[in-house]
Amino acid sequence: MARKCVINLHYIEVRPEFFKHEDLQDLEIEHPELHPMLVYLGLRALSNLKNQFLWNNILIKKCLFPRLNIKIGKTLSLLKKNGFIERQKSADRKIYGELIDNEKLTRMYRHIGIRSEETEGYAGWRLSVMERDLFTCQNCGKSGCKLQVHHIKSYKNYPELRTDINNGVTLCKECHRELHKKGRGK
């Protein structure tokens, strides 16, 4: 039976088939304190359509595991050393990570359902909005809780603004739900 977990503000269905990847299982057995399988799944959720994510230990921890005691830097090094991710520097001097695609991992990805509206740059947009808002709900001021990024102008009606940082605001789950209940953010 599949379990659902929340990572970076959207749901990911985790089926047992995901955990049949022998190399990830071996890493998990050898380094249970680093949670390599969980971190790898989280990186998959953070990555864009090109399998890239911003390599920033603090932001990854805040977005994915704010309440868990996971040493993200050590886990990223472990995943890099074992060929699951690569580290790259871009022209804008930011450091990005890239998930390595291979046949086994590609077969594994089909068992992970990420938001259907995911567009190129969308994951980075969410992270940029939350970073700008200091990972704090802009309505009630909560932080350290499940946060979501809301499109100020509708995702559906304004496709050109989907990844515009000025068209996003960080809200806690409760405030986001209330906003949509009031009909102001469909």
N, C-alpha and C. Protein backbone atom coordinates (compact mmCIF):
# COMPACT_ATOMS: atom_id res chain seq x y z
N MET A 1 0.84 -1.18 0.00
CA MET A 1 0.00 0.00 0.00
C MET A 1 0.89 1.25 0.00
N ALA A 2 0.53 2.22 -0.78
CA ALA A 2 1.32 3.45 -0.89
C ALA A 2 1.08 4.34 0.32
N ARG A 3 2.13 5.06 0.73
CA ARG A 3 2.01 6.03 1.81
C ARG A 3 2.18 7.40 1.20
N LYS A 4 1.55 8.40 1.79
CA LYS A 4 1.72 9.77 1.32
C LYS A 4 2.52 10.54 2.35
N CYS A 5 3.43 11.36 1.85
CA CYS A 5 4.17 12.22 2.75
C CYS A 5 4.24 13.60 2.11
N VAL A 6 4.38 14.62 2.92
CA VAL A 6 4.44 15.98 2.40
C VAL A 6 5.90 16.41 2.38
N ILE A 7 6.35 16.81 1.21
CA ILE A 7 7.72 17.32 1.07
C ILE A 7 7.63 18.57 0.21
N ASN A 8 8.19 19.63 0.71
CA ASN A 8 8.22 20.90 -0.01
C ASN A 8 6.86 21.30 -0.53
N LEU A 9 5.88 21.18 0.29
CA LEU A 9 4.59 21.80 0.06
C LEU A 9 3.73 21.14 -1.01
N HIS A 10 4.08 20.01 -1.49
CA HIS A 10 3.16 19.29 -2.37
C HIS A 10 3.29 17.82 -2.08
N TYR A 11 2.27 17.08 -2.46
CA TYR A 11 2.22 15.68 -2.10
C TYR A 11 3.00 14.83 -3.08
N ILE A 12 3.65 13.85 -2.55
CA ILE A 12 4.38 12.88 -3.36
C ILE A 12 3.90 11.51 -2.91
N GLU A 13 3.47 10.72 -3.84
CA GLU A 13 3.06 9.38 -3.50
C GLU A 13 4.28 8.48 -3.54
N VAL A 14 4.53 7.82 -2.43
CA VAL A 14 5.70 6.96 -2.33
C VAL A 14 5.22 5.52 -2.32
N ARG A 15 5.51 4.81 -3.36
CA ARG A 15 5.12 3.41 -3.46
C ARG A 15 6.27 2.53 -3.02
N PRO A 16 5.98 1.33 -2.57
CA PRO A 16 7.06 0.44 -2.13
C PRO A 16 8.12 0.19 -3.20
N GLU A 17 7.75 0.26 -4.48
CA GLU A 17 8.71 0.01 -5.55
C GLU A 17 9.89 0.99 -5.48
N PHE A 18 9.64 2.20 -4.99
CA PHE A 18 10.69 3.20 -4.89
C PHE A 18 11.85 2.68 -4.05
N PHE A 19 11.52 1.95 -3.00
CA PHE A 19 12.53 1.52 -2.05
C PHE A 19 13.20 0.21 -2.46
N LYS A 20 13.00 -0.22 -3.68
CA LYS A 20 13.64 -1.43 -4.17
C LYS A 20 14.95 -1.14 -4.89
N HIS A 21 15.39 0.11 -4.91
CA HIS A 21 16.64 0.45 -5.56
C HIS A 21 17.78 0.01 -4.64
N GLU A 22 18.50 -1.02 -5.07
CA GLU A 22 19.49 -1.65 -4.19
C GLU A 22 20.57 -0.69 -3.70
N ASP A 23 21.08 0.16 -4.58
CA ASP A 23 22.16 1.05 -4.18
C ASP A 23 21.71 2.03 -3.09
N LEU A 24 20.48 2.57 -3.25
CA LEU A 24 19.96 3.47 -2.21
C LEU A 24 19.71 2.70 -0.92
N GLN A 25 19.21 1.49 -1.04
CA GLN A 25 18.99 0.68 0.16
C GLN A 25 20.31 0.42 0.88
N ASP A 26 21.36 0.12 0.11
CA ASP A 26 22.66 -0.12 0.72
C ASP A 26 23.15 1.12 1.47
N LEU A 27 22.99 2.28 0.86
CA LEU A 27 23.39 3.51 1.54
C LEU A 27 22.59 3.72 2.82
N GLU A 28 21.30 3.44 2.75
CA GLU A 28 20.44 3.59 3.92
C GLU A 28 20.88 2.65 5.05
N ILE A 29 21.24 1.44 4.70
CA ILE A 29 21.68 0.46 5.70
C ILE A 29 23.03 0.87 6.30
N GLU A 30 23.95 1.34 5.45
CA GLU A 30 25.28 1.72 5.92
C GLU A 30 25.29 3.03 6.70
N HIS A 31 24.38 3.95 6.35
CA HIS A 31 24.36 5.29 6.96
C HIS A 31 22.94 5.68 7.37
N PRO A 32 22.31 4.94 8.27
CA PRO A 32 20.91 5.24 8.63
C PRO A 32 20.74 6.63 9.25
N GLU A 33 21.77 7.14 9.91
CA GLU A 33 21.67 8.45 10.55
C GLU A 33 21.59 9.60 9.55
N LEU A 34 22.00 9.35 8.29
CA LEU A 34 21.98 10.39 7.25
C LEU A 34 20.72 10.37 6.39
N HIS A 35 19.92 9.32 6.49
CA HIS A 35 18.65 9.19 5.76
C HIS A 35 18.80 9.46 4.26
N PRO A 36 19.72 8.78 3.57
CA PRO A 36 19.96 9.09 2.16
C PRO A 36 18.74 8.86 1.26
N MET A 37 17.93 7.87 1.53
CA MET A 37 16.76 7.63 0.68
C MET A 37 15.75 8.76 0.81
N LEU A 38 15.50 9.20 2.04
CA LEU A 38 14.55 10.28 2.28
C LEU A 38 15.05 11.59 1.66
N VAL A 39 16.33 11.87 1.84
CA VAL A 39 16.90 13.10 1.28
C VAL A 39 16.86 13.06 -0.25
N TYR A 40 17.19 11.91 -0.82
CA TYR A 40 17.15 11.79 -2.28
C TYR A 40 15.74 12.05 -2.81
N LEU A 41 14.75 11.48 -2.14
CA LEU A 41 13.36 11.70 -2.54
C LEU A 41 13.00 13.17 -2.42
N GLY A 42 13.46 13.82 -1.34
CA GLY A 42 13.21 15.24 -1.17
C GLY A 42 13.86 16.08 -2.26
N LEU A 43 15.09 15.72 -2.63
CA LEU A 43 15.77 16.44 -3.71
C LEU A 43 15.01 16.28 -5.02
N ARG A 44 14.45 15.11 -5.22
CA ARG A 44 13.64 14.87 -6.43
C ARG A 44 12.45 15.83 -6.44
N ALA A 45 11.86 16.05 -5.28
CA ALA A 45 10.71 16.96 -5.19
C ALA A 45 11.13 18.42 -5.40
N LEU A 46 12.33 18.78 -4.95
CA LEU A 46 12.81 20.15 -5.11
C LEU A 46 13.31 20.46 -6.51
N SER A 47 13.68 19.44 -7.25
CA SER A 47 14.35 19.68 -8.53
C SER A 47 13.38 20.14 -9.61
N ASN A 48 13.93 20.84 -10.59
CA ASN A 48 13.13 21.28 -11.72
C ASN A 48 13.07 20.16 -12.77
N LEU A 49 12.52 20.47 -13.93
CA LEU A 49 12.36 19.44 -14.95
C LEU A 49 13.69 18.97 -15.53
N LYS A 50 14.75 19.72 -15.30
CA LYS A 50 16.08 19.30 -15.76
C LYS A 50 16.82 18.55 -14.65
N ASN A 51 16.11 18.17 -13.61
CA ASN A 51 16.68 17.44 -12.45
C ASN A 51 17.68 18.28 -11.67
N GLN A 52 17.56 19.61 -11.68
CA GLN A 52 18.49 20.47 -10.98
C GLN A 52 17.82 21.08 -9.75
N PHE A 53 18.62 21.29 -8.73
CA PHE A 53 18.14 21.93 -7.51
C PHE A 53 19.23 22.86 -7.00
N LEU A 54 18.86 23.89 -6.25
CA LEU A 54 19.82 24.81 -5.68
C LEU A 54 20.55 24.10 -4.54
N TRP A 55 21.88 24.03 -4.62
CA TRP A 55 22.69 23.32 -3.63
C TRP A 55 22.95 24.28 -2.47
N ASN A 56 22.03 24.32 -1.54
CA ASN A 56 22.14 25.19 -0.38
C ASN A 56 21.64 24.40 0.82
N ASN A 57 22.56 23.95 1.65
CA ASN A 57 22.22 23.07 2.76
C ASN A 57 21.13 23.63 3.67
N ILE A 58 21.22 24.91 3.98
CA ILE A 58 20.27 25.53 4.90
C ILE A 58 18.88 25.57 4.28
N LEU A 59 18.79 25.99 3.01
CA LEU A 59 17.48 26.06 2.37
C LEU A 59 16.87 24.67 2.17
N ILE A 60 17.70 23.71 1.81
CA ILE A 60 17.18 22.34 1.62
C ILE A 60 16.62 21.84 2.95
N LYS A 61 17.36 22.07 4.02
CA LYS A 61 16.90 21.63 5.36
C LYS A 61 15.59 22.32 5.74
N LYS A 62 15.53 23.65 5.55
CA LYS A 62 14.32 24.40 5.92
C LYS A 62 13.12 23.99 5.08
N CYS A 63 13.34 23.75 3.80
CA CYS A 63 12.23 23.38 2.91
C CYS A 63 11.75 21.96 3.14
N LEU A 64 12.68 21.05 3.31
CA LEU A 64 12.31 19.64 3.33
C LEU A 64 12.18 19.05 4.73
N PHE A 65 13.09 19.40 5.60
CA PHE A 65 13.16 18.71 6.90
C PHE A 65 13.33 19.69 8.06
N PRO A 66 12.44 20.66 8.22
CA PRO A 66 12.65 21.66 9.26
C PRO A 66 12.68 21.08 10.67
N ARG A 67 12.02 19.97 10.89
CA ARG A 67 11.94 19.43 12.24
C ARG A 67 12.78 18.18 12.46
N LEU A 68 13.42 17.69 11.42
CA LEU A 68 14.22 16.47 11.56
C LEU A 68 15.69 16.83 11.73
N ASN A 69 16.38 16.05 12.51
CA ASN A 69 17.81 16.28 12.72
C ASN A 69 18.60 15.51 11.66
N ILE A 70 18.60 16.04 10.45
CA ILE A 70 19.33 15.41 9.34
C ILE A 70 20.49 16.32 8.96
N LYS A 71 21.66 15.75 8.85
CA LYS A 71 22.85 16.51 8.45
C LYS A 71 22.89 16.55 6.93
N ILE A 72 22.25 17.56 6.37
CA ILE A 72 22.08 17.66 4.91
C ILE A 72 23.43 17.67 4.19
N GLY A 73 24.40 18.43 4.68
CA GLY A 73 25.70 18.51 4.01
C GLY A 73 26.36 17.15 3.89
N LYS A 74 26.35 16.38 4.96
CA LYS A 74 26.96 15.05 4.92
C LYS A 74 26.18 14.12 4.00
N THR A 75 24.85 14.24 4.02
CA THR A 75 24.04 13.38 3.16
C THR A 75 24.26 13.72 1.69
N LEU A 76 24.34 15.01 1.36
CA LEU A 76 24.60 15.41 -0.03
C LEU A 76 25.96 14.89 -0.47
N SER A 77 26.96 14.99 0.40
CA SER A 77 28.30 14.47 0.06
C SER A 77 28.25 12.96 -0.19
N LEU A 78 27.50 12.25 0.63
CA LEU A 78 27.36 10.80 0.47
C LEU A 78 26.69 10.47 -0.86
N LEU A 79 25.60 11.18 -1.18
CA LEU A 79 24.90 10.93 -2.44
C LEU A 79 25.79 11.28 -3.64
N LYS A 80 26.58 12.34 -3.51
CA LYS A 80 27.50 12.73 -4.58
C LYS A 80 28.59 11.68 -4.77
N LYS A 81 29.17 11.25 -3.67
CA LYS A 81 30.25 10.25 -3.71
C LYS A 81 29.78 8.95 -4.35
N ASN A 82 28.50 8.61 -4.16
CA ASN A 82 27.97 7.36 -4.69
C ASN A 82 27.27 7.51 -6.04
N GLY A 83 27.41 8.68 -6.67
CA GLY A 83 26.93 8.86 -8.03
C GLY A 83 25.45 9.14 -8.20
N PHE A 84 24.76 9.58 -7.14
CA PHE A 84 23.35 9.89 -7.28
C PHE A 84 23.11 11.34 -7.66
N ILE A 85 24.04 12.22 -7.29
CA ILE A 85 23.92 13.63 -7.63
C ILE A 85 25.29 14.16 -8.04
N GLU A 86 25.27 15.27 -8.78
CA GLU A 86 26.50 15.98 -9.14
C GLU A 86 26.36 17.42 -8.66
N ARG A 87 27.49 18.06 -8.45
CA ARG A 87 27.51 19.46 -8.02
C ARG A 87 28.07 20.30 -9.16
N GLN A 88 27.38 21.41 -9.49
CA GLN A 88 27.82 22.25 -10.60
C GLN A 88 27.70 23.71 -10.22
N LYS A 89 28.57 24.54 -10.80
CA LYS A 89 28.49 25.99 -10.61
C LYS A 89 27.94 26.59 -11.90
N SER A 90 26.98 27.50 -11.77
CA SER A 90 26.37 28.10 -12.96
C SER A 90 27.02 29.45 -13.27
N ALA A 91 26.60 30.04 -14.37
CA ALA A 91 27.13 31.33 -14.79
C ALA A 91 26.80 32.42 -13.76
N ASP A 92 25.67 32.28 -13.05
CA ASP A 92 25.29 33.27 -12.05
C ASP A 92 25.96 33.03 -10.70
N ARG A 93 26.97 32.15 -10.69
CA ARG A 93 27.80 31.83 -9.52
C ARG A 93 27.05 31.07 -8.42
N LYS A 94 25.85 30.64 -8.71
CA LYS A 94 25.13 29.80 -7.75
C LYS A 94 25.57 28.36 -7.97
N ILE A 95 25.50 27.59 -6.91
CA ILE A 95 25.88 26.19 -7.02
C ILE A 95 24.60 25.35 -7.08
N TYR A 96 24.54 24.53 -8.10
CA TYR A 96 23.38 23.68 -8.30
C TYR A 96 23.78 22.21 -8.18
N GLY A 97 22.82 21.43 -7.78
CA GLY A 97 23.00 19.99 -7.80
C GLY A 97 22.16 19.43 -8.92
N GLU A 98 22.57 18.30 -9.44
CA GLU A 98 21.80 17.65 -10.49
C GLU A 98 21.65 16.18 -10.15
N LEU A 99 20.42 15.71 -10.21
CA LEU A 99 20.15 14.30 -9.98
C LEU A 99 20.62 13.53 -11.20
N ILE A 100 21.33 12.47 -10.99
CA ILE A 100 21.87 11.68 -12.10
C ILE A 100 20.80 10.69 -12.55
N ASP A 101 20.53 10.72 -13.83
CA ASP A 101 19.57 9.79 -14.40
C ASP A 101 20.30 8.55 -14.88
N ASN A 102 19.82 7.43 -14.49
CA ASN A 102 20.29 6.18 -15.08
C ASN A 102 19.07 5.29 -15.24
N GLU A 103 19.23 4.17 -15.88
CA GLU A 103 18.08 3.33 -16.20
C GLU A 103 17.30 2.92 -14.95
N LYS A 104 18.00 2.51 -13.90
CA LYS A 104 17.31 2.08 -12.68
C LYS A 104 16.52 3.23 -12.06
N LEU A 105 17.14 4.41 -11.97
CA LEU A 105 16.48 5.54 -11.35
C LEU A 105 15.32 6.04 -12.19
N THR A 106 15.46 6.02 -13.50
CA THR A 106 14.38 6.45 -14.37
C THR A 106 13.17 5.54 -14.19
N ARG A 107 13.40 4.25 -14.09
CA ARG A 107 12.28 3.33 -13.82
C ARG A 107 11.64 3.64 -12.47
N MET A 108 12.46 4.03 -11.52
CA MET A 108 11.98 4.32 -10.19
C MET A 108 11.11 5.59 -10.19
N TYR A 109 11.45 6.60 -10.99
CA TYR A 109 10.74 7.87 -10.97
C TYR A 109 9.27 7.73 -11.35
N ARG A 110 8.94 6.77 -12.18
CA ARG A 110 7.55 6.68 -12.59
C ARG A 110 6.63 6.33 -11.42
N HIS A 111 7.21 5.95 -10.30
CA HIS A 111 6.41 5.64 -9.12
C HIS A 111 6.24 6.86 -8.22
N ILE A 112 6.82 7.97 -8.61
CA ILE A 112 6.73 9.18 -7.80
C ILE A 112 5.88 10.18 -8.57
N GLY A 113 4.72 10.54 -8.04
CA GLY A 113 3.83 11.48 -8.71
C GLY A 113 3.98 12.88 -8.17
N ILE A 114 4.56 13.76 -8.93
CA ILE A 114 4.74 15.15 -8.51
C ILE A 114 3.66 15.99 -9.15
N ARG A 115 3.32 17.12 -8.55
CA ARG A 115 2.26 18.00 -9.04
C ARG A 115 2.20 18.05 -10.56
N SER A 116 1.02 17.93 -11.08
CA SER A 116 0.87 17.93 -12.53
C SER A 116 1.19 19.29 -13.13
N GLU A 117 1.06 20.37 -12.36
CA GLU A 117 1.29 21.69 -12.92
C GLU A 117 2.77 22.09 -12.88
N GLU A 118 3.63 21.17 -12.50
CA GLU A 118 5.06 21.47 -12.42
C GLU A 118 5.56 21.93 -13.79
N THR A 119 6.08 23.12 -13.85
CA THR A 119 6.66 23.65 -15.08
C THR A 119 8.12 23.98 -14.81
N GLU A 120 8.87 24.11 -15.86
CA GLU A 120 10.29 24.42 -15.69
C GLU A 120 10.45 25.70 -14.88
N GLY A 121 11.26 25.65 -13.87
CA GLY A 121 11.50 26.81 -13.03
C GLY A 121 10.54 26.94 -11.86
N TYR A 122 9.53 26.10 -11.81
CA TYR A 122 8.49 26.22 -10.78
C TYR A 122 9.03 25.93 -9.38
N ALA A 123 9.82 24.88 -9.24
CA ALA A 123 10.39 24.53 -7.93
C ALA A 123 11.32 25.65 -7.45
N GLY A 124 12.10 26.20 -8.36
CA GLY A 124 12.98 27.31 -8.01
C GLY A 124 12.19 28.55 -7.62
N TRP A 125 11.07 28.77 -8.31
CA TRP A 125 10.19 29.90 -7.99
C TRP A 125 9.67 29.78 -6.57
N ARG A 126 9.17 28.58 -6.22
CA ARG A 126 8.64 28.37 -4.86
C ARG A 126 9.73 28.66 -3.82
N LEU A 127 10.91 28.13 -4.07
CA LEU A 127 12.01 28.32 -3.13
C LEU A 127 12.38 29.80 -3.03
N SER A 128 12.42 30.51 -4.16
CA SER A 128 12.77 31.94 -4.16
C SER A 128 11.75 32.77 -3.39
N VAL A 129 10.47 32.45 -3.56
CA VAL A 129 9.42 33.19 -2.85
C VAL A 129 9.55 32.94 -1.35
N MET A 130 9.73 31.67 -0.96
CA MET A 130 9.85 31.37 0.47
C MET A 130 11.10 32.01 1.06
N GLU A 131 12.19 32.02 0.31
CA GLU A 131 13.43 32.64 0.79
C GLU A 131 13.22 34.14 0.97
N ARG A 132 12.58 34.78 -0.01
CA ARG A 132 12.31 36.22 0.09
C ARG A 132 11.44 36.53 1.31
N ASP A 133 10.45 35.64 1.59
CA ASP A 133 9.54 35.84 2.71
C ASP A 133 10.08 35.26 4.02
N LEU A 134 11.35 34.86 4.02
CA LEU A 134 12.03 34.33 5.20
C LEU A 134 11.32 33.14 5.82
N PHE A 135 10.74 32.30 4.96
CA PHE A 135 10.07 31.07 5.39
C PHE A 135 9.04 31.36 6.49
N THR A 136 8.29 32.45 6.26
CA THR A 136 7.29 32.90 7.23
C THR A 136 5.99 33.18 6.51
N CYS A 137 4.86 32.76 7.12
CA CYS A 137 3.55 33.07 6.55
C CYS A 137 3.36 34.58 6.55
N GLN A 138 3.04 35.13 5.40
CA GLN A 138 2.89 36.57 5.27
C GLN A 138 1.53 37.06 5.74
N ASN A 139 0.66 36.12 6.14
CA ASN A 139 -0.65 36.50 6.67
C ASN A 139 -0.65 36.50 8.19
N CYS A 140 -0.21 35.41 8.80
CA CYS A 140 -0.30 35.29 10.27
C CYS A 140 1.06 35.35 10.96
N GLY A 141 2.16 35.27 10.21
CA GLY A 141 3.49 35.38 10.80
C GLY A 141 4.10 34.08 11.30
N LYS A 142 3.42 32.95 11.09
CA LYS A 142 3.97 31.66 11.55
C LYS A 142 5.19 31.28 10.73
N SER A 143 6.13 30.60 11.40
CA SER A 143 7.25 30.00 10.70
C SER A 143 7.51 28.65 11.35
N GLY A 144 8.30 27.81 10.70
CA GLY A 144 8.57 26.49 11.24
C GLY A 144 7.39 25.55 11.12
N CYS A 145 6.46 25.88 10.23
CA CYS A 145 5.30 25.03 10.00
C CYS A 145 5.25 24.69 8.51
N LYS A 146 4.24 23.97 8.10
CA LYS A 146 4.11 23.64 6.68
C LYS A 146 3.69 24.90 5.93
N LEU A 147 4.57 25.33 5.04
CA LEU A 147 4.32 26.55 4.27
C LEU A 147 4.01 26.20 2.83
N GLN A 148 3.20 27.05 2.21
CA GLN A 148 2.85 26.89 0.81
C GLN A 148 3.04 28.23 0.12
N VAL A 149 3.28 28.18 -1.18
CA VAL A 149 3.42 29.41 -1.94
C VAL A 149 2.17 29.58 -2.79
N HIS A 150 1.55 30.73 -2.64
CA HIS A 150 0.29 31.04 -3.32
C HIS A 150 0.55 31.99 -4.49
N HIS A 151 -0.08 31.71 -5.62
CA HIS A 151 -0.02 32.62 -6.76
C HIS A 151 -1.01 33.75 -6.50
N ILE A 152 -0.55 34.98 -6.49
CA ILE A 152 -1.42 36.13 -6.26
C ILE A 152 -2.38 36.27 -7.44
N LYS A 153 -1.84 36.24 -8.64
CA LYS A 153 -2.68 36.19 -9.85
C LYS A 153 -2.73 34.73 -10.28
N SER A 154 -3.89 34.26 -10.59
CA SER A 154 -4.19 32.87 -10.85
C SER A 154 -3.18 32.15 -11.76
N TYR A 155 -2.79 30.96 -11.30
CA TYR A 155 -1.89 30.10 -12.07
C TYR A 155 -2.52 29.79 -13.43
N LYS A 156 -3.81 29.53 -13.42
CA LYS A 156 -4.52 29.14 -14.64
C LYS A 156 -4.67 30.30 -15.62
N ASN A 157 -5.05 31.47 -15.11
CA ASN A 157 -5.36 32.61 -15.99
C ASN A 157 -4.15 33.45 -16.40
N TYR A 158 -3.05 33.31 -15.69
CA TYR A 158 -1.85 34.11 -15.98
C TYR A 158 -0.63 33.21 -16.13
N PRO A 159 -0.59 32.38 -17.18
CA PRO A 159 0.54 31.45 -17.33
C PRO A 159 1.89 32.17 -17.44
N GLU A 160 1.90 33.39 -17.93
CA GLU A 160 3.15 34.12 -18.07
C GLU A 160 3.71 34.57 -16.70
N LEU A 161 2.88 34.53 -15.66
CA LEU A 161 3.32 34.95 -14.33
C LEU A 161 3.57 33.77 -13.38
N ARG A 162 3.50 32.56 -13.90
CA ARG A 162 3.62 31.37 -13.05
C ARG A 162 4.92 31.32 -12.27
N THR A 163 6.00 31.81 -12.85
CA THR A 163 7.28 31.75 -12.15
C THR A 163 7.84 33.15 -11.87
N ASP A 164 6.96 34.16 -11.86
CA ASP A 164 7.37 35.52 -11.51
C ASP A 164 7.35 35.63 -9.98
N ILE A 165 8.51 35.92 -9.39
CA ILE A 165 8.61 35.95 -7.93
C ILE A 165 7.65 36.97 -7.32
N ASN A 166 7.31 38.04 -8.06
CA ASN A 166 6.38 39.05 -7.54
C ASN A 166 4.93 38.58 -7.57
N ASN A 167 4.68 37.43 -8.17
CA ASN A 167 3.33 36.87 -8.21
C ASN A 167 3.17 35.74 -7.19
N GLY A 168 4.03 35.71 -6.19
CA GLY A 168 3.93 34.67 -5.18
C GLY A 168 4.00 35.23 -3.78
N VAL A 169 3.36 34.54 -2.85
CA VAL A 169 3.41 34.91 -1.45
C VAL A 169 3.42 33.63 -0.62
N THR A 170 4.22 33.63 0.44
CA THR A 170 4.33 32.46 1.31
C THR A 170 3.21 32.52 2.35
N LEU A 171 2.48 31.41 2.46
CA LEU A 171 1.40 31.29 3.44
C LEU A 171 1.51 29.95 4.15
N CYS A 172 1.06 29.91 5.40
CA CYS A 172 0.96 28.62 6.08
C CYS A 172 -0.22 27.88 5.47
N LYS A 173 -0.27 26.59 5.70
CA LYS A 173 -1.31 25.75 5.11
C LYS A 173 -2.71 26.25 5.48
N GLU A 174 -2.89 26.64 6.75
CA GLU A 174 -4.20 27.09 7.21
C GLU A 174 -4.63 28.39 6.54
N CYS A 175 -3.73 29.36 6.46
CA CYS A 175 -4.06 30.64 5.82
C CYS A 175 -4.32 30.45 4.32
N HIS A 176 -3.56 29.57 3.68
CA HIS A 176 -3.76 29.30 2.27
C HIS A 176 -5.14 28.69 2.03
N ARG A 177 -5.52 27.74 2.89
CA ARG A 177 -6.83 27.10 2.78
C ARG A 177 -7.94 28.14 2.96
N GLU A 178 -7.81 29.01 3.98
CA GLU A 178 -8.81 30.05 4.23
C GLU A 178 -8.93 31.02 3.06
N LEU A 179 -7.81 31.38 2.48
CA LEU A 179 -7.82 32.28 1.32
C LEU A 179 -8.64 31.69 0.18
N HIS A 180 -8.43 30.40 -0.09
CA HIS A 180 -9.17 29.75 -1.17
C HIS A 180 -10.64 29.55 -0.80
N LYS A 181 -10.94 29.32 0.47
CA LYS A 181 -12.34 29.19 0.90
C LYS A 181 -13.11 30.47 0.67
N LYS A 182 -12.42 31.62 0.85
CA LYS A 182 -13.06 32.92 0.66
C LYS A 182 -13.22 33.24 -0.82
N GLY A 183 -12.63 32.41 -1.69
CA GLY A 183 -12.78 32.61 -3.13
C GLY A 183 -11.81 33.61 -3.71
N ARG A 184 -10.77 33.98 -2.95
CA ARG A 184 -9.82 34.98 -3.44
C ARG A 184 -8.55 34.34 -3.93
N GLY A 185 -8.51 33.29 -4.53
CA GLY A 185 -7.23 32.76 -4.95
C GLY A 185 -7.43 31.47 -5.70
N LYS A 186 -8.43 31.47 -6.50
CA LYS A 186 -8.76 30.24 -7.22
C LYS A 186 -7.77 29.91 -8.26
